[in-house]
Full PDB file with SEQRES, HELIX, SHEET, SSBOND, CRYST1, ORIGX, SCALE, CONECT and MASTER records, all heavy atoms in Angstrom:
SEQRES   1 A   31  GLU SER VAL ALA HIS ARG HIS GLY VAL PRO ASP PRO LEU          
SEQRES   2 A   31  GLN MET THR VAL GLY THR THR ASP GLY ASP ARG ILE TRP          
SEQRES   3 A   31  THR PHE ARG TYR SER                                          
HELIX    1 AA1 SER A    2  ARG A    6  1                                   5    
SHEET    1 AA1 2 MET A  15  THR A  20  0                                        
SHEET    2 AA1 2 ILE A  25  TYR A  30 -1                                        
CRYST1    1.000    1.000    1.000  90.00  90.00  90.00 P 1           1          
ORIGX1      1.000000  0.000000  0.000000        0.00000                         
ORIGX2      0.000000  1.000000  0.000000        0.00000                         
ORIGX3      0.000000  0.000000  1.000000        0.00000                         
SCALE1      1.000000  0.000000  0.000000        0.00000                         
SCALE2      0.000000  1.000000  0.000000        0.00000                         
SCALE3      0.000000  0.000000  1.000000        0.00000                         
ATOM      1  N   GLU A   1       0.839  -1.212   0.002  1.00  0.00           N  
ATOM      2  CA  GLU A   1       0.006   0.014   0.004  1.00  0.00           C  
ATOM      3  C   GLU A   1       0.869   1.269   0.002  1.00  0.00           C  
ATOM      4  O   GLU A   1       0.505   2.258  -0.637  1.00  0.00           O  
ATOM      5  CB  GLU A   1      -0.942  -0.025   1.189  1.00  0.00           C  
ATOM      6  CG  GLU A   1      -1.982  -1.151   1.076  1.00  0.00           C  
ATOM      7  CD  GLU A   1      -3.023  -1.123   2.136  1.00  0.00           C  
ATOM      8  OE1 GLU A   1      -2.745  -0.637   3.269  1.00  0.00           O  
ATOM      9  OE2 GLU A   1      -4.169  -1.555   1.900  1.00  0.00           O  
ATOM     10  N   SER A   2       2.007   1.227   0.673  1.00  0.00           N  
ATOM     11  CA  SER A   2       2.873   2.384   0.692  1.00  0.00           C  
ATOM     12  C   SER A   2       3.495   2.636  -0.686  1.00  0.00           C  
ATOM     13  O   SER A   2       3.525   3.794  -1.176  1.00  0.00           O  
ATOM     14  CB  SER A   2       3.997   2.157   1.724  1.00  0.00           C  
ATOM     15  OG  SER A   2       4.946   3.234   1.692  1.00  0.00           O  
ATOM     16  N   VAL A   3       3.976   1.572  -1.320  1.00  0.00           N  
ATOM     17  CA  VAL A   3       4.544   1.733  -2.657  1.00  0.00           C  
ATOM     18  C   VAL A   3       3.495   2.211  -3.645  1.00  0.00           C  
ATOM     19  O   VAL A   3       3.725   3.074  -4.480  1.00  0.00           O  
ATOM     20  CB  VAL A   3       5.164   0.377  -3.104  1.00  0.00           C  
ATOM     21  CG1 VAL A   3       5.529   0.446  -4.589  1.00  0.00           C  
ATOM     22  CG2 VAL A   3       6.395   0.079  -2.300  1.00  0.00           C  
ATOM     23  N   ALA A   4       2.287   1.666  -3.538  1.00  0.00           N  
ATOM     24  CA  ALA A   4       1.202   2.056  -4.445  1.00  0.00           C  
ATOM     25  C   ALA A   4       0.847   3.525  -4.262  1.00  0.00           C  
ATOM     26  O   ALA A   4       0.609   4.242  -5.219  1.00  0.00           O  
ATOM     27  CB  ALA A   4      -0.027   1.174  -4.191  1.00  0.00           C  
ATOM     28  N   HIS A   5       0.859   3.963  -3.006  1.00  0.00           N  
ATOM     29  CA  HIS A   5       0.553   5.369  -2.740  1.00  0.00           C  
ATOM     30  C   HIS A   5       1.565   6.300  -3.413  1.00  0.00           C  
ATOM     31  O   HIS A   5       1.205   7.341  -3.989  1.00  0.00           O  
ATOM     32  CB  HIS A   5       0.545   5.604  -1.205  1.00  0.00           C  
ATOM     33  CG  HIS A   5       0.286   7.055  -0.827  1.00  0.00           C  
ATOM     34  ND1 HIS A   5      -0.940   7.633  -0.914  1.00  0.00           N  
ATOM     35  CD2 HIS A   5       1.141   8.014  -0.358  1.00  0.00           C  
ATOM     36  CE1 HIS A   5      -0.877   8.899  -0.514  1.00  0.00           C  
ATOM     37  NE2 HIS A   5       0.400   9.134  -0.186  1.00  0.00           N  
ATOM     38  N   ARG A   6       2.869   5.912  -3.370  1.00  0.00           N  
ATOM     39  CA  ARG A   6       3.905   6.733  -4.034  1.00  0.00           C  
ATOM     40  C   ARG A   6       3.689   6.800  -5.524  1.00  0.00           C  
ATOM     41  O   ARG A   6       4.016   7.779  -6.158  1.00  0.00           O  
ATOM     42  CB  ARG A   6       5.291   6.160  -3.704  1.00  0.00           C  
ATOM     43  CG  ARG A   6       5.660   6.262  -2.275  1.00  0.00           C  
ATOM     44  CD  ARG A   6       7.185   6.190  -2.115  1.00  0.00           C  
ATOM     45  NE  ARG A   6       7.785   4.993  -2.742  1.00  0.00           N  
ATOM     46  CZ  ARG A   6       8.031   3.880  -2.106  1.00  0.00           C  
ATOM     47  NH1 ARG A   6       7.718   3.763  -0.816  1.00  0.00           N  
ATOM     48  NH2 ARG A   6       8.576   2.865  -2.762  1.00  0.00           N  
ATOM     49  N   HIS A   7       3.133   5.748  -6.087  1.00  0.00           N  
ATOM     50  CA  HIS A   7       2.915   5.687  -7.559  1.00  0.00           C  
ATOM     51  C   HIS A   7       1.533   6.162  -7.952  1.00  0.00           C  
ATOM     52  O   HIS A   7       1.163   6.134  -9.121  1.00  0.00           O  
ATOM     53  CB  HIS A   7       3.120   4.246  -8.068  1.00  0.00           C  
ATOM     54  CG  HIS A   7       4.578   3.851  -8.105  1.00  0.00           C  
ATOM     55  ND1 HIS A   7       5.357   3.998  -9.203  1.00  0.00           N  
ATOM     56  CD2 HIS A   7       5.376   3.317  -7.138  1.00  0.00           C  
ATOM     57  CE1 HIS A   7       6.570   3.541  -8.982  1.00  0.00           C  
ATOM     58  NE2 HIS A   7       6.596   3.100  -7.734  1.00  0.00           N  
ATOM     59  N   GLY A   8       0.730   6.584  -6.999  1.00  0.00           N  
ATOM     60  CA  GLY A   8      -0.612   7.063  -7.302  1.00  0.00           C  
ATOM     61  C   GLY A   8      -1.592   5.998  -7.703  1.00  0.00           C  
ATOM     62  O   GLY A   8      -2.525   6.241  -8.456  1.00  0.00           O  
ATOM     63  N   VAL A   9      -1.419   4.775  -7.151  1.00  0.00           N  
ATOM     64  CA  VAL A   9      -2.290   3.631  -7.480  1.00  0.00           C  
ATOM     65  C   VAL A   9      -3.283   3.446  -6.294  1.00  0.00           C  
ATOM     66  O   VAL A   9      -2.851   3.128  -5.182  1.00  0.00           O  
ATOM     67  CB  VAL A   9      -1.510   2.342  -7.696  1.00  0.00           C  
ATOM     68  CG1 VAL A   9      -2.489   1.181  -7.935  1.00  0.00           C  
ATOM     69  CG2 VAL A   9      -0.593   2.509  -8.885  1.00  0.00           C  
ATOM     70  N   PRO A  10      -4.559   3.689  -6.493  1.00  0.00           N  
ATOM     71  CA  PRO A  10      -5.542   3.569  -5.401  1.00  0.00           C  
ATOM     72  C   PRO A  10      -5.921   2.104  -5.154  1.00  0.00           C  
ATOM     73  O   PRO A  10      -5.867   1.249  -6.032  1.00  0.00           O  
ATOM     74  CB  PRO A  10      -6.742   4.338  -5.911  1.00  0.00           C  
ATOM     75  CG  PRO A  10      -6.688   4.157  -7.411  1.00  0.00           C  
ATOM     76  CD  PRO A  10      -5.230   4.118  -7.768  1.00  0.00           C  
ATOM     77  N   ASP A  11      -6.275   1.830  -3.877  1.00  0.00           N  
ATOM     78  CA  ASP A  11      -6.783   0.520  -3.502  1.00  0.00           C  
ATOM     79  C   ASP A  11      -5.993  -0.614  -4.123  1.00  0.00           C  
ATOM     80  O   ASP A  11      -6.562  -1.409  -4.885  1.00  0.00           O  
ATOM     81  CB  ASP A  11      -8.271   0.394  -3.873  1.00  0.00           C  
ATOM     82  CG  ASP A  11      -9.152   1.426  -3.162  1.00  0.00           C  
ATOM     83  OD1 ASP A  11      -8.778   1.824  -2.035  1.00  0.00           O  
ATOM     84  OD2 ASP A  11     -10.163   1.847  -3.770  1.00  0.00           O  
ATOM     85  N   PRO A  12      -4.737  -0.769  -3.818  1.00  0.00           N  
ATOM     86  CA  PRO A  12      -3.863  -1.647  -4.604  1.00  0.00           C  
ATOM     87  C   PRO A  12      -3.977  -3.119  -4.316  1.00  0.00           C  
ATOM     88  O   PRO A  12      -3.666  -3.967  -5.161  1.00  0.00           O  
ATOM     89  CB  PRO A  12      -2.450  -1.150  -4.268  1.00  0.00           C  
ATOM     90  CG  PRO A  12      -2.603  -0.623  -2.886  1.00  0.00           C  
ATOM     91  CD  PRO A  12      -3.954   0.005  -2.798  1.00  0.00           C  
ATOM     92  N   LEU A  13      -4.423  -3.469  -3.091  1.00  0.00           N  
ATOM     93  CA  LEU A  13      -4.278  -4.854  -2.670  1.00  0.00           C  
ATOM     94  C   LEU A  13      -5.587  -5.533  -2.478  1.00  0.00           C  
ATOM     95  O   LEU A  13      -6.491  -5.031  -1.801  1.00  0.00           O  
ATOM     96  CB  LEU A  13      -3.489  -4.935  -1.353  1.00  0.00           C  
ATOM     97  CG  LEU A  13      -3.184  -6.332  -0.800  1.00  0.00           C  
ATOM     98  CD1 LEU A  13      -2.368  -7.148  -1.807  1.00  0.00           C  
ATOM     99  CD2 LEU A  13      -2.420  -6.219   0.530  1.00  0.00           C  
ATOM    100  N   GLN A  14      -5.735  -6.705  -3.086  1.00  0.00           N  
ATOM    101  CA  GLN A  14      -6.913  -7.573  -2.942  1.00  0.00           C  
ATOM    102  C   GLN A  14      -6.371  -8.974  -2.636  1.00  0.00           C  
ATOM    103  O   GLN A  14      -5.611  -9.518  -3.431  1.00  0.00           O  
ATOM    104  CB  GLN A  14      -7.721  -7.551  -4.198  1.00  0.00           C  
ATOM    105  CG  GLN A  14      -8.945  -8.507  -4.232  1.00  0.00           C  
ATOM    106  CD  GLN A  14     -10.051  -8.039  -3.329  1.00  0.00           C  
ATOM    107  OE1 GLN A  14     -10.371  -8.754  -2.360  1.00  0.00           O  
ATOM    108  NE2 GLN A  14     -10.667  -6.920  -3.610  1.00  0.00           N  
ATOM    109  N   MET A  15      -6.761  -9.546  -1.465  1.00  0.00           N  
ATOM    110  CA  MET A  15      -6.184 -10.844  -1.189  1.00  0.00           C  
ATOM    111  C   MET A  15      -6.980 -11.673  -0.204  1.00  0.00           C  
ATOM    112  O   MET A  15      -7.550 -11.157   0.744  1.00  0.00           O  
ATOM    113  CB  MET A  15      -4.764 -10.697  -0.596  1.00  0.00           C  
ATOM    114  CG  MET A  15      -4.712 -10.167   0.827  1.00  0.00           C  
ATOM    115  SD  MET A  15      -3.030 -10.136   1.523  1.00  0.00           S  
ATOM    116  CE  MET A  15      -3.390 -10.111   3.293  1.00  0.00           C  
ATOM    117  N   THR A  16      -7.105 -12.947  -0.530  1.00  0.00           N  
ATOM    118  CA  THR A  16      -7.296 -13.971   0.485  1.00  0.00           C  
ATOM    119  C   THR A  16      -6.075 -14.866   0.319  1.00  0.00           C  
ATOM    120  O   THR A  16      -5.672 -15.210  -0.800  1.00  0.00           O  
ATOM    121  CB  THR A  16      -8.588 -14.779   0.315  1.00  0.00           C  
ATOM    122  OG1 THR A  16      -8.511 -15.551  -0.905  1.00  0.00           O  
ATOM    123  CG2 THR A  16      -9.807 -13.887   0.278  1.00  0.00           C  
ATOM    124  N   VAL A  17      -5.483 -15.213   1.443  1.00  0.00           N  
ATOM    125  CA  VAL A  17      -4.187 -15.950   1.458  1.00  0.00           C  
ATOM    126  C   VAL A  17      -4.344 -17.126   2.401  1.00  0.00           C  
ATOM    127  O   VAL A  17      -4.944 -17.035   3.469  1.00  0.00           O  
ATOM    128  CB  VAL A  17      -3.014 -15.071   1.874  1.00  0.00           C  
ATOM    129  CG1 VAL A  17      -1.819 -15.874   2.314  1.00  0.00           C  
ATOM    130  CG2 VAL A  17      -2.644 -14.099   0.775  1.00  0.00           C  
ATOM    131  N   GLY A  18      -3.722 -18.255   1.981  1.00  0.00           N  
ATOM    132  CA  GLY A  18      -3.540 -19.379   2.873  1.00  0.00           C  
ATOM    133  C   GLY A  18      -2.091 -19.763   2.877  1.00  0.00           C  
ATOM    134  O   GLY A  18      -1.464 -19.847   1.832  1.00  0.00           O  
ATOM    135  N   THR A  19      -1.526 -19.956   4.043  1.00  0.00           N  
ATOM    136  CA  THR A  19      -0.125 -20.358   4.156  1.00  0.00           C  
ATOM    137  C   THR A  19       0.039 -21.295   5.336  1.00  0.00           C  
ATOM    138  O   THR A  19      -0.700 -21.234   6.329  1.00  0.00           O  
ATOM    139  CB  THR A  19       0.790 -19.110   4.280  1.00  0.00           C  
ATOM    140  OG1 THR A  19       2.166 -19.511   4.216  1.00  0.00           O  
ATOM    141  CG2 THR A  19       0.571 -18.363   5.587  1.00  0.00           C  
ATOM    142  N   THR A  20       1.021 -22.179   5.237  1.00  0.00           N  
ATOM    143  CA  THR A  20       1.228 -23.194   6.257  1.00  0.00           C  
ATOM    144  C   THR A  20       2.682 -23.611   6.346  1.00  0.00           C  
ATOM    145  O   THR A  20       3.402 -23.557   5.359  1.00  0.00           O  
ATOM    146  CB  THR A  20       0.383 -24.431   6.013  1.00  0.00           C  
ATOM    147  OG1 THR A  20       0.604 -25.420   7.010  1.00  0.00           O  
ATOM    148  CG2 THR A  20       0.649 -25.075   4.650  1.00  0.00           C  
ATOM    149  N   ASP A  21       3.048 -24.010   7.572  1.00  0.00           N  
ATOM    150  CA  ASP A  21       4.404 -24.572   7.778  1.00  0.00           C  
ATOM    151  C   ASP A  21       4.360 -26.077   7.952  1.00  0.00           C  
ATOM    152  O   ASP A  21       5.322 -26.705   8.306  1.00  0.00           O  
ATOM    153  CB  ASP A  21       5.047 -23.923   9.032  1.00  0.00           C  
ATOM    154  CG  ASP A  21       4.238 -24.188  10.294  1.00  0.00           C  
ATOM    155  OD1 ASP A  21       3.154 -24.794  10.243  1.00  0.00           O  
ATOM    156  OD2 ASP A  21       4.700 -23.789  11.393  1.00  0.00           O  
ATOM    157  N   GLY A  22       3.210 -26.685   7.702  1.00  0.00           N  
ATOM    158  CA  GLY A  22       3.051 -28.109   7.848  1.00  0.00           C  
ATOM    159  C   GLY A  22       2.456 -28.495   9.181  1.00  0.00           C  
ATOM    160  O   GLY A  22       2.094 -29.666   9.383  1.00  0.00           O  
ATOM    161  N   ASP A  23       2.337 -27.561  10.094  1.00  0.00           N  
ATOM    162  CA  ASP A  23       1.755 -27.789  11.407  1.00  0.00           C  
ATOM    163  C   ASP A  23       0.488 -26.951  11.592  1.00  0.00           C  
ATOM    164  O   ASP A  23      -0.583 -27.482  11.855  1.00  0.00           O  
ATOM    165  CB  ASP A  23       2.793 -27.468  12.485  1.00  0.00           C  
ATOM    166  CG  ASP A  23       2.250 -27.714  13.874  1.00  0.00           C  
ATOM    167  OD1 ASP A  23       1.449 -28.636  14.082  1.00  0.00           O  
ATOM    168  OD2 ASP A  23       2.640 -26.957  14.829  1.00  0.00           O  
ATOM    169  N   ARG A  24       0.625 -25.667  11.402  1.00  0.00           N  
ATOM    170  CA  ARG A  24      -0.505 -24.784  11.506  1.00  0.00           C  
ATOM    171  C   ARG A  24      -0.807 -24.152  10.127  1.00  0.00           C  
ATOM    172  O   ARG A  24       0.051 -24.114   9.242  1.00  0.00           O  
ATOM    173  CB  ARG A  24      -0.241 -23.650  12.505  1.00  0.00           C  
ATOM    174  CG  ARG A  24      -0.139 -24.123  13.943  1.00  0.00           C  
ATOM    175  CD  ARG A  24       0.127 -22.971  14.907  1.00  0.00           C  
ATOM    176  NE  ARG A  24       1.511 -22.483  14.771  1.00  0.00           N  
ATOM    177  CZ  ARG A  24       1.997 -21.427  15.468  1.00  0.00           C  
ATOM    178  NH1 ARG A  24       1.152 -20.733  16.267  1.00  0.00           N  
ATOM    179  NH2 ARG A  24       3.217 -21.072  15.338  1.00  0.00           N  
ATOM    180  N   ILE A  25      -2.042 -23.678   9.959  1.00  0.00           N  
ATOM    181  CA  ILE A  25      -2.446 -22.923   8.747  1.00  0.00           C  
ATOM    182  C   ILE A  25      -2.851 -21.527   9.172  1.00  0.00           C  
ATOM    183  O   ILE A  25      -3.641 -21.363  10.091  1.00  0.00           O  
ATOM    184  CB  ILE A  25      -3.621 -23.622   8.055  1.00  0.00           C  
ATOM    185  CG1 ILE A  25      -3.225 -25.022   7.540  1.00  0.00           C  
ATOM    186  CG2 ILE A  25      -4.104 -22.765   6.849  1.00  0.00           C  
ATOM    187  CD1 ILE A  25      -4.394 -25.810   6.969  1.00  0.00           C  
ATOM    188  N   TRP A  26      -2.350 -20.547   8.453  1.00  0.00           N  
ATOM    189  CA  TRP A  26      -2.755 -19.140   8.646  1.00  0.00           C  
ATOM    190  C   TRP A  26      -3.565 -18.721   7.409  1.00  0.00           C  
ATOM    191  O   TRP A  26      -3.155 -18.965   6.278  1.00  0.00           O  
ATOM    192  CB  TRP A  26      -1.543 -18.231   8.795  1.00  0.00           C  
ATOM    193  CG  TRP A  26      -0.777 -18.418  10.087  1.00  0.00           C  
ATOM    194  CD1 TRP A  26      -0.904 -17.627  11.194  1.00  0.00           C  
ATOM    195  CD2 TRP A  26       0.209 -19.390  10.354  1.00  0.00           C  
ATOM    196  NE1 TRP A  26      -0.034 -18.100  12.170  1.00  0.00           N  
ATOM    197  CE2 TRP A  26       0.672 -19.154  11.689  1.00  0.00           C  
ATOM    198  CE3 TRP A  26       0.807 -20.422   9.622  1.00  0.00           C  
ATOM    199  CZ2 TRP A  26       1.654 -19.946  12.268  1.00  0.00           C  
ATOM    200  CZ3 TRP A  26       1.773 -21.196  10.226  1.00  0.00           C  
ATOM    201  CH2 TRP A  26       2.188 -20.954  11.558  1.00  0.00           C  
ATOM    202  N   THR A  27      -4.634 -18.050   7.667  1.00  0.00           N  
ATOM    203  CA  THR A  27      -5.478 -17.512   6.560  1.00  0.00           C  
ATOM    204  C   THR A  27      -5.688 -16.030   6.744  1.00  0.00           C  
ATOM    205  O   THR A  27      -5.759 -15.522   7.904  1.00  0.00           O  
ATOM    206  CB  THR A  27      -6.834 -18.218   6.500  1.00  0.00           C  
ATOM    207  OG1 THR A  27      -7.576 -17.948   7.681  1.00  0.00           O  
ATOM    208  CG2 THR A  27      -6.670 -19.715   6.335  1.00  0.00           C  
ATOM    209  N   PHE A  28      -5.808 -15.312   5.651  1.00  0.00           N  
ATOM    210  CA  PHE A  28      -5.950 -13.853   5.684  1.00  0.00           C  
ATOM    211  C   PHE A  28      -6.982 -13.423   4.662  1.00  0.00           C  
ATOM    212  O   PHE A  28      -7.036 -13.925   3.535  1.00  0.00           O  
ATOM    213  CB  PHE A  28      -4.647 -13.155   5.341  1.00  0.00           C  
ATOM    214  CG  PHE A  28      -3.503 -13.561   6.276  1.00  0.00           C  
ATOM    215  CD1 PHE A  28      -2.726 -14.677   5.989  1.00  0.00           C  
ATOM    216  CD2 PHE A  28      -3.228 -12.796   7.399  1.00  0.00           C  
ATOM    217  CE1 PHE A  28      -1.689 -15.038   6.834  1.00  0.00           C  
ATOM    218  CE2 PHE A  28      -2.185 -13.177   8.265  1.00  0.00           C  
ATOM    219  CZ  PHE A  28      -1.435 -14.294   7.953  1.00  0.00           C  
ATOM    220  N   ARG A  29      -7.863 -12.507   5.072  1.00  0.00           N  
ATOM    221  CA  ARG A  29      -8.819 -11.899   4.149  1.00  0.00           C  
ATOM    222  C   ARG A  29      -8.754 -10.383   4.302  1.00  0.00           C  
ATOM    223  O   ARG A  29      -9.043  -9.831   5.361  1.00  0.00           O  
ATOM    224  CB  ARG A  29     -10.277 -12.414   4.438  1.00  0.00           C  
ATOM    225  CG  ARG A  29     -11.304 -11.883   3.525  1.00  0.00           C  
ATOM    226  CD  ARG A  29     -12.688 -12.544   3.720  1.00  0.00           C  
ATOM    227  NE  ARG A  29     -13.624 -12.069   2.736  1.00  0.00           N  
ATOM    228  CZ  ARG A  29     -14.740 -11.315   3.020  1.00  0.00           C  
ATOM    229  NH1 ARG A  29     -15.026 -11.045   4.290  1.00  0.00           N  
ATOM    230  NH2 ARG A  29     -15.535 -10.936   2.038  1.00  0.00           N  
ATOM    231  N   TYR A  30      -8.321  -9.724   3.223  1.00  0.00           N  
ATOM    232  CA  TYR A  30      -8.098  -8.272   3.324  1.00  0.00           C  
ATOM    233  C   TYR A  30      -8.122  -7.673   1.921  1.00  0.00           C  
ATOM    234  O   TYR A  30      -7.701  -8.300   0.921  1.00  0.00           O  
ATOM    235  CB  TYR A  30      -6.785  -7.952   3.974  1.00  0.00           C  
ATOM    236  CG  TYR A  30      -6.489  -6.462   3.959  1.00  0.00           C  
ATOM    237  CD1 TYR A  30      -7.064  -5.601   4.880  1.00  0.00           C  
ATOM    238  CD2 TYR A  30      -5.610  -5.926   3.012  1.00  0.00           C  
ATOM    239  CE1 TYR A  30      -6.807  -4.245   4.848  1.00  0.00           C  
ATOM    240  CE2 TYR A  30      -5.371  -4.553   2.979  1.00  0.00           C  
ATOM    241  CZ  TYR A  30      -5.966  -3.715   3.909  1.00  0.00           C  
ATOM    242  OH  TYR A  30      -5.732  -2.354   3.851  1.00  0.00           O  
ATOM    243  N   SER A  31      -8.615  -6.443   1.815  1.00  0.00           N  
ATOM    244  CA  SER A  31      -8.459  -5.644   0.606  1.00  0.00           C  
ATOM    245  C   SER A  31      -8.367  -4.205   0.988  1.00  0.00           C  
ATOM    246  O   SER A  31      -8.970  -3.780   1.983  1.00  0.00           O  
ATOM    247  CB  SER A  31      -9.611  -5.882  -0.393  1.00  0.00           C  
ATOM    248  OG  SER A  31     -10.847  -5.435   0.183  1.00  0.00           O  
TER     249      SER A  31                                                      
MASTER        0    0    0    1    2    0    0    6  248    1    0    3          
END                                                                             
């Protein structure tokens, strides 16, 4: 978001993410 702001790009990030280390799972929902 900081880099996008410098380049004049509005609302730059849209994401749902899933990541794991093989033991736990982390999920994220953000835009």
